């Protein structure tokens, strides 16, 4: 059965084909939009995560600066009274230990500089016997 141009059946078939093509184009656009939206959401999530990491790092650096400015008693009191967040307590304790180790190292270095270095001074060794020559065997 052949349709001639201008008949209602041919117009219907033409309209149906046009609708199908238009529907496919709209469907493709919707899929592309969804993919872009998904990619955008993923980039947004990654950006938010990076922002949280930077914020945590900044808080850590601020805390570290405060720790360096505080004396040991004030710092211990801040940890005990809860002024330091729970997730940062371990870091603060580590910083206290590091500060203490640095202080001890500085004191040891200062003490070694204060004592005269006697290793360069040659003392006479009067009670030591001269080395014996080896006998030929």
N, C-alpha and C. Protein backbone atom coordinates (compact mmCIF):
# COMPACT_ATOMS: atom_id res chain seq x y z
N UNK A 1 0.85 -1.17 0.00
CA UNK A 1 0.00 0.00 0.00
C UNK A 1 0.90 1.23 0.00
N UNK A 2 0.73 2.02 -1.01
CA UNK A 2 1.56 3.20 -1.18
C UNK A 2 0.73 4.43 -0.85
N UNK A 3 1.40 5.32 -0.09
CA UNK A 3 0.68 6.54 0.29
C UNK A 3 1.10 7.66 -0.65
N UNK A 4 0.14 8.37 -1.10
CA UNK A 4 0.48 9.52 -1.94
C UNK A 4 0.59 10.75 -1.05
N UNK A 5 1.34 11.68 -1.58
CA UNK A 5 1.60 12.87 -0.79
C UNK A 5 0.32 13.68 -0.64
N UNK A 6 0.12 14.18 0.58
CA UNK A 6 -1.04 15.02 0.83
C UNK A 6 -2.21 14.26 1.39
N UNK A 7 -2.17 12.95 1.37
CA UNK A 7 -3.27 12.18 1.95
C UNK A 7 -3.16 12.23 3.46
N UNK A 8 -4.27 12.02 4.13
CA UNK A 8 -4.22 12.04 5.59
C UNK A 8 -3.26 11.00 6.17
N UNK A 9 -3.14 9.86 5.57
CA UNK A 9 -2.24 8.82 6.08
C UNK A 9 -0.79 9.25 5.92
N UNK A 10 -0.44 9.89 4.81
CA UNK A 10 0.94 10.32 4.62
C UNK A 10 1.28 11.47 5.56
N UNK A 11 0.32 12.35 5.79
CA UNK A 11 0.54 13.45 6.73
C UNK A 11 0.73 12.90 8.14
N UNK A 12 -0.08 11.89 8.47
CA UNK A 12 0.04 11.26 9.78
C UNK A 12 1.41 10.61 9.94
N UNK A 13 1.87 9.88 8.93
CA UNK A 13 3.16 9.20 8.98
C UNK A 13 4.29 10.23 9.09
N UNK A 14 4.17 11.31 8.34
CA UNK A 14 5.17 12.36 8.39
C UNK A 14 5.21 13.01 9.78
N UNK A 15 4.06 13.29 10.32
CA UNK A 15 3.97 13.87 11.67
C UNK A 15 4.51 12.92 12.72
N UNK A 16 4.23 11.64 12.57
CA UNK A 16 4.72 10.64 13.51
C UNK A 16 6.23 10.55 13.46
N UNK A 17 6.80 10.54 12.26
CA UNK A 17 8.26 10.48 12.12
C UNK A 17 8.88 11.74 12.72
N UNK A 18 8.29 12.89 12.45
CA UNK A 18 8.81 14.13 13.00
C UNK A 18 8.75 14.11 14.53
N UNK A 19 7.66 13.62 15.08
CA UNK A 19 7.52 13.53 16.55
C UNK A 19 8.54 12.59 17.16
N UNK A 20 8.78 11.48 16.45
CA UNK A 20 9.76 10.51 16.97
C UNK A 20 11.16 11.12 16.98
N UNK A 21 11.53 11.82 15.91
CA UNK A 21 12.85 12.47 15.85
C UNK A 21 12.94 13.54 16.93
N UNK A 22 11.89 14.34 17.05
CA UNK A 22 11.88 15.38 18.07
C UNK A 22 11.98 14.78 19.47
N UNK A 23 11.28 13.70 19.71
CA UNK A 23 11.33 13.02 21.01
C UNK A 23 12.73 12.48 21.31
N UNK A 24 13.38 11.93 20.30
CA UNK A 24 14.74 11.42 20.48
C UNK A 24 15.71 12.56 20.81
N UNK A 25 15.54 13.69 20.13
CA UNK A 25 16.39 14.86 20.40
C UNK A 25 16.17 15.34 21.82
N UNK A 26 14.93 15.45 22.25
CA UNK A 26 14.62 15.88 23.62
C UNK A 26 15.18 14.89 24.64
N UNK A 27 15.06 13.61 24.33
CA UNK A 27 15.61 12.57 25.22
C UNK A 27 17.13 12.71 25.34
N UNK A 28 17.80 12.91 24.21
CA UNK A 28 19.26 13.09 24.22
C UNK A 28 19.66 14.32 25.01
N UNK A 29 18.90 15.41 24.85
CA UNK A 29 19.18 16.62 25.61
C UNK A 29 19.01 16.39 27.11
N UNK A 30 17.99 15.65 27.47
CA UNK A 30 17.74 15.37 28.89
C UNK A 30 18.87 14.52 29.48
N UNK A 31 19.34 13.54 28.74
CA UNK A 31 20.45 12.71 29.21
C UNK A 31 21.71 13.55 29.36
N UNK A 32 21.99 14.40 28.38
CA UNK A 32 23.17 15.27 28.44
C UNK A 32 23.08 16.22 29.64
N UNK A 33 21.89 16.77 29.88
CA UNK A 33 21.69 17.66 31.02
C UNK A 33 21.93 16.91 32.33
N UNK A 34 21.41 15.69 32.41
CA UNK A 34 21.59 14.88 33.62
C UNK A 34 23.07 14.57 33.85
N UNK A 35 23.79 14.25 32.79
CA UNK A 35 25.23 13.97 32.93
C UNK A 35 25.98 15.21 33.41
N UNK A 36 25.66 16.36 32.84
CA UNK A 36 26.31 17.60 33.28
C UNK A 36 25.99 17.90 34.73
N UNK A 37 24.73 17.66 35.11
CA UNK A 37 24.33 17.92 36.49
C UNK A 37 25.08 16.98 37.43
N UNK A 38 25.21 15.72 37.07
CA UNK A 38 25.94 14.75 37.88
C UNK A 38 27.42 15.14 38.01
N UNK A 39 28.02 15.54 36.89
CA UNK A 39 29.42 15.97 36.92
C UNK A 39 29.59 17.22 37.79
N UNK A 40 28.63 18.13 37.69
CA UNK A 40 28.68 19.34 38.50
C UNK A 40 28.55 19.03 39.98
N UNK A 41 27.64 18.11 40.31
CA UNK A 41 27.49 17.72 41.72
C UNK A 41 28.75 17.05 42.24
N UNK A 42 29.38 16.24 41.40
CA UNK A 42 30.61 15.56 41.80
C UNK A 42 31.73 16.59 42.04
N UNK A 43 31.86 17.55 41.14
CA UNK A 43 32.86 18.61 41.32
C UNK A 43 32.56 19.41 42.59
N UNK A 44 31.28 19.67 42.83
CA UNK A 44 30.89 20.41 44.03
C UNK A 44 31.27 19.63 45.28
N UNK A 45 30.98 18.32 45.29
CA UNK A 45 31.32 17.48 46.45
C UNK A 45 32.83 17.47 46.69
N UNK A 46 33.60 17.33 45.60
CA UNK A 46 35.06 17.34 45.74
C UNK A 46 35.54 18.68 46.27
N UNK A 47 34.95 19.75 45.79
CA UNK A 47 35.31 21.08 46.27
C UNK A 47 34.98 21.26 47.74
N UNK A 48 33.82 20.77 48.13
CA UNK A 48 33.43 20.86 49.55
C UNK A 48 34.38 20.04 50.42
N UNK A 49 34.75 18.86 49.98
CA UNK A 49 35.68 18.02 50.74
C UNK A 49 37.03 18.71 50.87
N UNK A 50 37.50 19.28 49.77
CA UNK A 50 38.78 20.01 49.80
C UNK A 50 38.68 21.20 50.74
N UNK A 51 37.54 21.87 50.72
CA UNK A 51 37.32 22.99 51.63
C UNK A 51 37.37 22.56 53.08
N UNK A 52 36.75 21.40 53.38
CA UNK A 52 36.78 20.87 54.75
C UNK A 52 38.21 20.53 55.16
N UNK A 53 38.96 19.94 54.23
CA UNK A 53 40.35 19.60 54.54
C UNK A 53 41.16 20.86 54.82
N UNK A 54 40.97 21.88 54.01
CA UNK A 54 41.69 23.14 54.22
C UNK A 54 41.28 23.80 55.53
N UNK A 55 39.99 23.73 55.85
CA UNK A 55 39.50 24.30 57.11
C UNK A 55 40.11 23.57 58.29
N UNK A 56 40.16 22.25 58.23
CA UNK A 56 40.77 21.46 59.30
C UNK A 56 42.25 21.79 59.43
N UNK A 57 42.92 21.93 58.31
CA UNK A 57 44.35 22.28 58.32
C UNK A 57 44.56 23.66 58.94
N UNK A 58 43.69 24.60 58.57
CA UNK A 58 43.78 25.95 59.12
C UNK A 58 43.55 25.93 60.63
N UNK A 59 42.55 25.17 61.07
CA UNK A 59 42.30 25.06 62.51
C UNK A 59 43.51 24.45 63.21
N UNK A 60 44.12 23.46 62.58
CA UNK A 60 45.31 22.84 63.16
C UNK A 60 46.45 23.84 63.27
N UNK A 61 46.64 24.65 62.23
CA UNK A 61 47.70 25.65 62.26
C UNK A 61 47.42 26.74 63.30
N UNK A 62 46.15 27.14 63.40
CA UNK A 62 45.79 28.12 64.42
C UNK A 62 46.04 27.55 65.81
N UNK A 63 45.65 26.29 65.99
CA UNK A 63 45.87 25.64 67.27
C UNK A 63 47.36 25.53 67.57
N UNK A 64 48.14 25.20 66.56
CA UNK A 64 49.58 25.09 66.73
C UNK A 64 50.17 26.44 67.14
N UNK A 65 49.69 27.52 66.52
CA UNK A 65 50.17 28.85 66.88
C UNK A 65 49.81 29.19 68.32
N UNK A 66 48.60 28.82 68.73
CA UNK A 66 48.19 29.06 70.12
C UNK A 66 49.04 28.24 71.08
N UNK A 67 49.32 27.00 70.69
CA UNK A 67 50.13 26.12 71.54
C UNK A 67 51.51 26.73 71.73
N UNK A 68 52.10 27.23 70.68
CA UNK A 68 53.43 27.81 70.78
C UNK A 68 53.41 29.06 71.66
N UNK A 69 52.27 29.76 71.68
CA UNK A 69 52.16 30.99 72.46
C UNK A 69 51.86 30.70 73.94
N UNK A 70 51.29 29.55 74.23
CA UNK A 70 50.89 29.23 75.61
C UNK A 70 52.04 28.55 76.34
N UNK A 71 52.02 28.72 77.64
CA UNK A 71 52.99 27.94 78.41
C UNK A 71 52.37 26.58 78.69
N UNK A 72 53.15 25.68 79.18
CA UNK A 72 52.73 24.29 79.34
C UNK A 72 51.54 24.14 80.27
N UNK A 73 51.51 24.89 81.37
CA UNK A 73 50.40 24.79 82.33
C UNK A 73 49.10 25.26 81.70
N UNK A 74 49.13 26.38 80.98
CA UNK A 74 47.92 26.88 80.33
C UNK A 74 47.42 25.90 79.28
N UNK A 75 48.35 25.31 78.56
CA UNK A 75 47.98 24.35 77.52
C UNK A 75 47.34 23.11 78.13
N UNK A 76 47.94 22.59 79.18
CA UNK A 76 47.37 21.42 79.84
C UNK A 76 45.98 21.74 80.39
N UNK A 77 45.81 22.93 80.94
CA UNK A 77 44.51 23.34 81.47
C UNK A 77 43.48 23.42 80.33
N UNK A 78 43.87 23.91 79.17
CA UNK A 78 42.97 24.01 78.02
C UNK A 78 42.53 22.62 77.56
N UNK A 79 43.44 21.67 77.58
CA UNK A 79 43.10 20.30 77.18
C UNK A 79 42.14 19.68 78.18
N UNK A 80 42.43 19.85 79.46
CA UNK A 80 41.61 19.23 80.51
C UNK A 80 40.22 19.85 80.57
N UNK A 81 40.12 21.17 80.41
CA UNK A 81 38.82 21.84 80.52
C UNK A 81 37.96 21.71 79.27
N UNK A 82 38.50 21.10 78.22
CA UNK A 82 37.71 20.87 77.02
C UNK A 82 37.71 22.04 76.05
N UNK A 83 38.58 23.00 76.23
CA UNK A 83 38.66 24.12 75.30
C UNK A 83 39.26 23.68 73.97
N UNK A 84 39.92 22.55 73.99
CA UNK A 84 40.49 21.98 72.77
C UNK A 84 39.52 20.90 72.30
N UNK A 85 39.08 20.95 71.02
CA UNK A 85 38.15 19.94 70.52
C UNK A 85 38.73 18.52 70.64
N UNK A 86 37.84 17.56 70.82
CA UNK A 86 38.26 16.16 71.02
C UNK A 86 39.17 15.66 69.91
N UNK A 87 38.82 15.99 68.65
CA UNK A 87 39.61 15.47 67.54
C UNK A 87 41.00 16.09 67.49
N UNK A 88 41.21 17.17 68.24
CA UNK A 88 42.52 17.82 68.22
C UNK A 88 43.33 17.56 69.49
N UNK A 89 42.73 16.88 70.45
CA UNK A 89 43.46 16.64 71.71
C UNK A 89 44.74 15.87 71.50
N UNK A 90 44.66 14.84 70.69
CA UNK A 90 45.86 14.04 70.44
C UNK A 90 46.96 14.91 69.81
N UNK A 91 46.57 15.77 68.88
CA UNK A 91 47.54 16.67 68.26
C UNK A 91 48.15 17.61 69.30
N UNK A 92 47.32 18.10 70.20
CA UNK A 92 47.82 19.01 71.23
C UNK A 92 48.78 18.28 72.15
N UNK A 93 48.42 17.07 72.53
CA UNK A 93 49.31 16.30 73.40
C UNK A 93 50.63 16.04 72.69
N UNK A 94 50.56 15.70 71.41
CA UNK A 94 51.80 15.50 70.63
C UNK A 94 52.61 16.79 70.56
N UNK A 95 51.90 17.91 70.40
CA UNK A 95 52.61 19.20 70.36
C UNK A 95 53.26 19.52 71.70
N UNK A 96 52.57 19.19 72.79
CA UNK A 96 53.15 19.42 74.12
C UNK A 96 54.42 18.59 74.26
N UNK A 97 54.34 17.34 73.85
CA UNK A 97 55.52 16.48 73.93
C UNK A 97 56.65 17.01 73.06
N UNK A 98 56.31 17.47 71.86
CA UNK A 98 57.33 18.01 70.96
C UNK A 98 57.95 19.29 71.54
N UNK A 99 57.11 20.13 72.12
CA UNK A 99 57.62 21.35 72.76
C UNK A 99 58.55 21.00 73.91
N UNK A 100 58.16 20.01 74.70
CA UNK A 100 58.99 19.59 75.83
C UNK A 100 60.32 19.03 75.34
N UNK A 101 60.28 18.21 74.30
CA UNK A 101 61.51 17.64 73.75
C UNK A 101 62.41 18.74 73.19
N UNK A 102 61.81 19.73 72.55
CA UNK A 102 62.61 20.84 72.01
C UNK A 102 63.23 21.65 73.14
N UNK A 103 62.46 21.86 74.21
CA UNK A 103 62.99 22.61 75.36
C UNK A 103 64.15 21.87 75.99
N UNK A 104 64.01 20.57 76.16
CA UNK A 104 65.09 19.76 76.75
C UNK A 104 66.32 19.79 75.85
N UNK A 105 66.12 19.71 74.56
CA UNK A 105 67.24 19.76 73.61
C UNK A 105 67.95 21.11 73.68
N UNK A 106 67.15 22.19 73.76
CA UNK A 106 67.76 23.52 73.87
C UNK A 106 68.56 23.65 75.16
N UNK A 107 68.01 23.14 76.26
CA UNK A 107 68.72 23.21 77.55
C UNK A 107 70.00 22.39 77.50
N UNK A 108 69.95 21.22 76.88
CA UNK A 108 71.14 20.37 76.77
C UNK A 108 72.20 21.05 75.93
N UNK A 109 71.78 21.68 74.85
CA UNK A 109 72.73 22.39 73.99
C UNK A 109 73.35 23.57 74.72
N UNK A 110 72.54 24.28 75.48
CA UNK A 110 73.05 25.42 76.25
C UNK A 110 74.01 24.94 77.34
N UNK A 111 73.68 23.82 77.98
CA UNK A 111 74.55 23.28 79.04
C UNK A 111 75.87 22.80 78.45
N UNK A 112 75.86 22.20 77.27
CA UNK A 112 77.10 21.72 76.68
C UNK A 112 77.99 22.88 76.23
N UNK A 113 77.37 23.99 75.86
CA UNK A 113 78.15 25.18 75.48
C UNK A 113 78.75 25.85 76.71
N UNK A 114 78.09 25.74 77.84
CA UNK A 114 78.56 26.40 79.06
C UNK A 114 79.75 25.67 79.66
N UNK A 115 79.83 24.35 79.51
CA UNK A 115 80.97 23.58 80.03
C UNK A 115 82.15 23.70 79.08
N UNK A 116 83.36 23.87 79.61
CA UNK A 116 84.51 23.91 78.72
C UNK A 116 84.77 22.54 78.11
N UNK A 117 85.21 22.55 76.89
CA UNK A 117 85.51 21.31 76.20
C UNK A 117 86.95 20.91 76.54
N UNK A 118 87.08 19.88 77.35
CA UNK A 118 88.40 19.44 77.81
C UNK A 118 89.02 18.39 76.89
N UNK A 119 88.32 18.00 75.89
CA UNK A 119 88.87 16.96 75.01
C UNK A 119 90.06 17.48 74.20
N UNK A 120 90.12 18.77 73.99
CA UNK A 120 91.23 19.33 73.20
C UNK A 120 92.49 19.53 74.05
N UNK A 121 92.34 19.51 75.37
CA UNK A 121 93.49 19.73 76.26
C UNK A 121 94.19 18.39 76.49
N UNK A 122 95.53 18.36 76.24
CA UNK A 122 96.31 17.13 76.44
C UNK A 122 96.86 17.15 77.87
N UNK A 123 96.46 16.18 78.62
CA UNK A 123 96.96 16.07 79.99
C UNK A 123 98.12 15.09 80.02
N UNK A 124 99.13 15.39 80.84
CA UNK A 124 100.25 14.44 80.94
C UNK A 124 99.79 13.14 81.58
N UNK A 125 100.26 12.07 81.05
CA UNK A 125 99.87 10.76 81.56
C UNK A 125 101.09 10.14 82.26
N UNK A 126 101.31 10.53 83.52
CA UNK A 126 102.50 10.13 84.27
C UNK A 126 102.42 8.70 84.76
N UNK A 127 101.28 8.23 85.10
CA UNK A 127 101.20 6.89 85.68
C UNK A 127 101.07 5.81 84.61
N UNK A 128 101.19 6.17 83.37
CA UNK A 128 101.08 5.18 82.32
C UNK A 128 102.48 4.78 81.86
N UNK A 129 102.75 3.50 81.74
CA UNK A 129 104.06 2.99 81.32
C UNK A 129 104.21 3.12 79.82
N UNK A 130 105.47 3.32 79.35
CA UNK A 130 105.67 3.41 77.90
C UNK A 130 105.34 2.07 77.26
N UNK A 131 104.94 2.05 76.02
CA UNK A 131 104.59 0.79 75.36
C UNK A 131 105.81 -0.10 75.21
N UNK A 132 105.59 -1.37 75.44
CA UNK A 132 106.69 -2.35 75.35
C UNK A 132 106.88 -2.74 73.90
N UNK A 133 108.17 -2.88 73.48
CA UNK A 133 108.40 -3.31 72.10
C UNK A 133 108.00 -4.78 71.95
N UNK A 134 107.52 -5.12 70.79
CA UNK A 134 107.11 -6.50 70.55
C UNK A 134 108.35 -7.36 70.33
N UNK A 135 108.35 -8.53 70.90
CA UNK A 135 109.48 -9.44 70.74
C UNK A 135 109.31 -10.27 69.49
N UNK A 136 110.43 -10.50 68.75
CA UNK A 136 110.31 -11.33 67.54
C UNK A 136 110.03 -12.77 67.92
N UNK A 137 109.12 -13.37 67.28
CA UNK A 137 108.78 -14.74 67.64
C UNK A 137 109.21 -15.73 66.64
